[in-house]
Amino acid sequence: IDINEAGKTLFEVEDNVAYNFYSFVSDKDKSIVAEKAKELRKEGTVKNFEIEIITEKGTKKDIEISSSAFYENGIFKGSRDIIRDISEKKKRETLLIQQSSTIKSIFENTSNVLIWTLDTNFNLSSWNSEFIRMFDDRIGESIQIGDNFFNKLANNLKPHLIDIMKSSYSKAQDGIFQNFESVVYGLNGKKIIFETFLSPIKIK
């Protein structure tokens, strides 16, 4: 019945008449719209559901819709719809999922290499299977997210080495790449020598 200029831009149409909203909906999402239409008639509102549309010019876009029904004499006559273009948001979400999958693959498919991350308080925030295997099998400690890295190693490092390592980790958090060797004493006092590479993670 009516559409504002932003809506014309979204659907890539020149006027606001003779278009059926359902005709813009991607085939894969038509069933969602049909179900939401039933819900709208029954409940009077539907909020924040996402679908894909194909514009008049053939452009695929992801949109988010909230609708409220309007009535005349108690009879459903239509809806008022607020539609937001979320195409860029969906692209970013897809990219983030792809990046997370890549990082997870690197984490879990790097044999004989321990990978872990710490927050600014030196608490563990993530690790790969090799890292947890080292703690379980060679140090005899169980670990959880949020455990303090140095507290977990307190009984397995010479006291002066803890201060040296903390200094290196602090420098890494300041943005300075670190590379050093350290000695950890595992089960039965067995000496384990590690070469460690520390890289800062910066979040803008």
Protein backbone atom coordinates (compact mmCIF):
# COMPACT_ATOMS: atom_id res chain seq x y z
CA ILE A 1 0.00 0.00 0.00
CA ASP A 2 2.79 2.40 0.91
CA ILE A 3 6.57 2.38 1.24
CA ASN A 4 9.16 5.04 2.08
CA GLU A 5 12.20 5.99 0.01
CA ALA A 6 14.48 3.70 1.99
CA GLY A 7 12.12 0.83 1.18
CA LYS A 8 12.23 1.65 -2.53
CA THR A 9 16.02 1.58 -2.36
CA LEU A 10 15.99 -1.70 -0.46
CA PHE A 11 13.70 -3.47 -2.94
CA GLU A 12 15.14 -1.56 -5.91
CA VAL A 13 11.72 -0.41 -7.15
CA GLU A 14 10.66 2.92 -8.56
CA ASP A 15 7.20 3.18 -7.03
CA ASN A 16 5.20 1.68 -4.21
CA VAL A 17 2.27 0.02 -5.96
CA ALA A 18 1.55 -3.24 -7.77
CA TYR A 19 4.24 -5.20 -5.91
CA ASN A 20 3.49 -8.21 -3.75
CA PHE A 21 5.96 -8.57 -0.90
CA TYR A 22 5.83 -12.37 -1.13
CA SER A 23 7.16 -12.18 -4.69
CA PHE A 24 10.44 -10.74 -3.42
CA VAL A 25 11.01 -13.52 -0.90
CA SER A 26 13.66 -16.09 -1.79
CA ASP A 27 12.17 -19.53 -2.45
CA LYS A 28 14.11 -21.01 0.46
CA ASP A 29 12.41 -18.61 2.89
CA LYS A 30 8.83 -18.52 1.56
CA SER A 31 7.73 -21.09 4.14
CA ILE A 32 9.11 -18.88 6.93
CA VAL A 33 7.09 -15.92 5.69
CA ALA A 34 3.95 -18.07 5.41
CA GLU A 35 4.34 -19.22 9.02
CA LYS A 36 5.06 -15.67 10.24
CA ALA A 37 1.95 -14.43 8.42
CA LYS A 38 -0.16 -16.96 10.36
CA GLU A 39 1.53 -15.90 13.59
CA LEU A 40 0.86 -12.23 12.81
CA ARG A 41 -2.88 -12.84 12.33
CA LYS A 42 -3.04 -14.86 15.55
CA GLU A 43 -0.78 -12.82 17.84
CA GLY A 44 -0.96 -9.34 16.31
CA THR A 45 2.82 -8.92 16.12
CA VAL A 46 5.94 -10.74 14.95
CA LYS A 47 9.40 -9.47 15.78
CA ASN A 48 12.90 -9.64 14.35
CA PHE A 49 12.80 -12.57 11.97
CA GLU A 50 15.35 -12.82 9.19
CA ILE A 51 14.85 -13.83 5.56
CA GLU A 52 16.50 -13.43 2.18
CA ILE A 53 14.87 -11.38 -0.55
CA ILE A 54 15.61 -10.95 -4.24
CA THR A 55 15.04 -7.37 -5.37
CA GLU A 56 13.36 -6.19 -8.54
CA LYS A 57 16.82 -6.01 -10.14
CA GLY A 58 17.82 -9.47 -8.99
CA THR A 59 20.02 -8.49 -6.02
CA LYS A 60 19.99 -10.91 -3.09
CA LYS A 61 19.72 -9.22 0.30
CA ASP A 62 19.26 -10.36 3.88
CA ILE A 63 16.62 -8.45 5.82
CA GLU A 64 15.18 -8.39 9.34
CA ILE A 65 11.44 -7.77 9.77
CA SER A 66 9.15 -6.76 12.61
CA SER A 67 5.43 -6.51 11.85
CA SER A 68 2.28 -5.41 13.65
CA ALA A 69 -1.22 -6.17 12.42
CA PHE A 70 -3.93 -3.57 11.87
CA TYR A 71 -7.65 -4.25 11.95
CA GLU A 72 -10.91 -2.65 10.95
CA ASN A 73 -13.92 -3.58 13.06
CA GLY A 74 -11.95 -6.50 14.43
CA ILE A 75 -11.13 -7.82 10.98
CA PHE A 76 -7.48 -8.23 9.95
CA LYS A 77 -6.68 -5.84 7.12
CA GLY A 78 -2.91 -5.91 6.84
CA SER A 79 0.34 -5.10 8.58
CA ARG A 80 2.74 -2.30 9.30
CA ASP A 81 6.27 -3.55 8.72
CA ILE A 82 9.67 -2.30 9.76
CA ILE A 83 12.40 -3.80 7.59
CA ARG A 84 16.14 -3.48 8.06
CA ASP A 85 18.85 -4.45 5.57
CA ILE A 86 21.25 -6.76 7.43
CA SER A 87 23.23 -7.99 4.41
CA GLU A 88 26.55 -6.59 5.64
CA LYS A 89 25.93 -7.94 9.14
CA LYS A 90 25.32 -11.44 7.73
CA LYS A 91 28.47 -11.22 5.61
CA ARG A 92 30.50 -10.31 8.70
CA GLU A 93 28.94 -13.17 10.66
CA THR A 94 29.74 -15.62 7.86
CA LEU A 95 33.32 -14.36 7.67
CA LEU A 96 33.69 -14.65 11.45
CA ILE A 97 32.45 -18.26 11.36
CA GLN A 98 34.87 -19.08 8.55
CA GLN A 99 37.76 -17.46 10.41
CA SER A 100 36.84 -19.27 13.63
CA SER A 101 36.73 -22.58 11.77
CA THR A 102 40.15 -21.90 10.26
CA ILE A 103 41.64 -20.99 13.64
CA LYS A 104 40.11 -24.09 15.23
CA SER A 105 41.55 -26.24 12.44
CA ILE A 106 45.02 -24.76 13.01
CA PHE A 107 44.66 -25.27 16.76
CA GLU A 108 43.67 -28.90 16.54
CA ASN A 109 45.80 -30.08 13.61
CA THR A 110 49.20 -28.87 14.77
CA SER A 111 50.84 -32.01 16.15
CA ASN A 112 53.45 -31.77 18.92
CA VAL A 113 52.84 -28.02 19.23
CA LEU A 114 51.09 -26.53 22.26
CA ILE A 115 48.86 -23.53 21.51
CA TRP A 116 47.12 -21.49 24.18
CA THR A 117 45.86 -17.98 24.84
CA LEU A 118 45.84 -15.93 28.03
CA ASP A 119 43.88 -12.86 29.02
CA THR A 120 45.55 -9.77 30.51
CA ASN A 121 45.58 -11.38 33.97
CA PHE A 122 47.40 -14.48 32.66
CA ASN A 123 44.25 -16.58 32.92
CA LEU A 124 43.75 -19.34 30.35
CA SER A 125 41.15 -18.48 27.70
CA SER A 126 41.70 -21.22 25.07
CA TRP A 127 44.02 -24.09 24.15
CA ASN A 128 44.48 -26.96 21.74
CA SER A 129 44.36 -30.67 22.51
CA GLU A 130 48.18 -30.93 22.73
CA PHE A 131 48.21 -28.33 25.50
CA ILE A 132 45.61 -30.11 27.62
CA ARG A 133 47.34 -33.44 26.98
CA MET A 134 50.59 -31.98 28.32
CA PHE A 135 48.89 -30.85 31.53
CA ASP A 136 47.02 -34.12 31.98
CA ASP A 137 49.72 -36.62 31.05
CA ARG A 138 53.02 -34.92 31.82
CA ILE A 139 52.23 -32.48 34.63
CA GLY A 140 49.27 -34.20 36.24
CA GLU A 141 47.06 -31.12 36.45
CA SER A 142 43.53 -30.62 35.16
CA ILE A 143 42.78 -27.20 33.66
CA GLN A 144 39.69 -25.09 33.09
CA ILE A 145 38.94 -21.83 31.33
CA GLY A 146 39.86 -19.01 33.71
CA ASP A 147 42.60 -20.89 35.55
CA ASN A 148 45.69 -18.78 36.17
CA PHE A 149 48.49 -20.09 33.96
CA PHE A 150 51.29 -19.45 36.47
CA ASN A 151 49.34 -20.82 39.42
CA LYS A 152 48.89 -24.05 37.51
CA LEU A 153 52.65 -24.27 36.93
CA ALA A 154 53.72 -23.06 40.39
CA ASN A 155 54.76 -26.53 41.54
CA ASN A 156 56.52 -27.34 38.28
CA LEU A 157 58.80 -24.33 37.82
CA LYS A 158 61.78 -23.06 39.77
CA PRO A 159 60.61 -19.91 41.66
CA HIS A 160 63.00 -17.56 39.85
CA LEU A 161 61.76 -18.86 36.46
CA ILE A 162 58.19 -17.81 37.24
CA ASP A 163 59.29 -14.17 37.59
CA ILE A 164 61.33 -14.38 34.37
CA MET A 165 58.41 -15.90 32.47
CA LYS A 166 55.95 -13.35 33.84
CA SER A 167 58.23 -10.61 32.58
CA SER A 168 58.22 -12.13 29.09
CA TYR A 169 54.45 -12.54 29.09
CA SER A 170 54.02 -8.93 30.23
CA LYS A 171 56.21 -7.74 27.35
CA ALA A 172 54.12 -9.80 24.93
CA GLN A 173 50.98 -8.12 26.24
CA ASP A 174 52.67 -4.78 25.56
CA GLY A 175 53.00 -5.82 21.93
CA ILE A 176 56.57 -7.15 21.92
CA PHE A 177 57.02 -10.59 20.37
CA GLN A 178 58.83 -13.00 22.71
CA ASN A 179 60.84 -16.18 22.14
CA PHE A 180 62.52 -18.08 24.97
CA GLU A 181 63.28 -21.52 26.40
CA SER A 182 61.95 -22.72 29.76
CA VAL A 183 62.26 -25.82 31.91
CA VAL A 184 59.16 -27.39 33.45
CA TYR A 185 59.35 -30.31 35.86
CA GLY A 186 56.66 -32.87 35.18
CA LEU A 187 55.51 -35.99 36.97
CA ASN A 188 58.22 -37.67 39.06
CA GLY A 189 60.42 -34.60 38.59
CA LYS A 190 61.05 -35.30 34.92
CA LYS A 191 62.53 -32.28 33.16
CA ILE A 192 60.65 -30.94 30.11
CA ILE A 193 62.25 -28.23 27.99
CA PHE A 194 59.96 -25.97 26.00
CA GLU A 195 60.69 -23.33 23.39
CA THR A 196 57.97 -20.71 23.64
CA PHE A 197 56.84 -18.11 21.11
CA LEU A 198 54.52 -15.38 22.39
CA SER A 199 52.52 -13.13 20.08
CA PRO A 200 50.22 -10.34 21.29
CA ILE A 201 46.55 -10.40 20.29
CA LYS A 202 45.23 -6.93 19.60
CA ILE A 203 41.52 -6.19 19.49
CA LYS A 204 40.59 -2.76 18.17
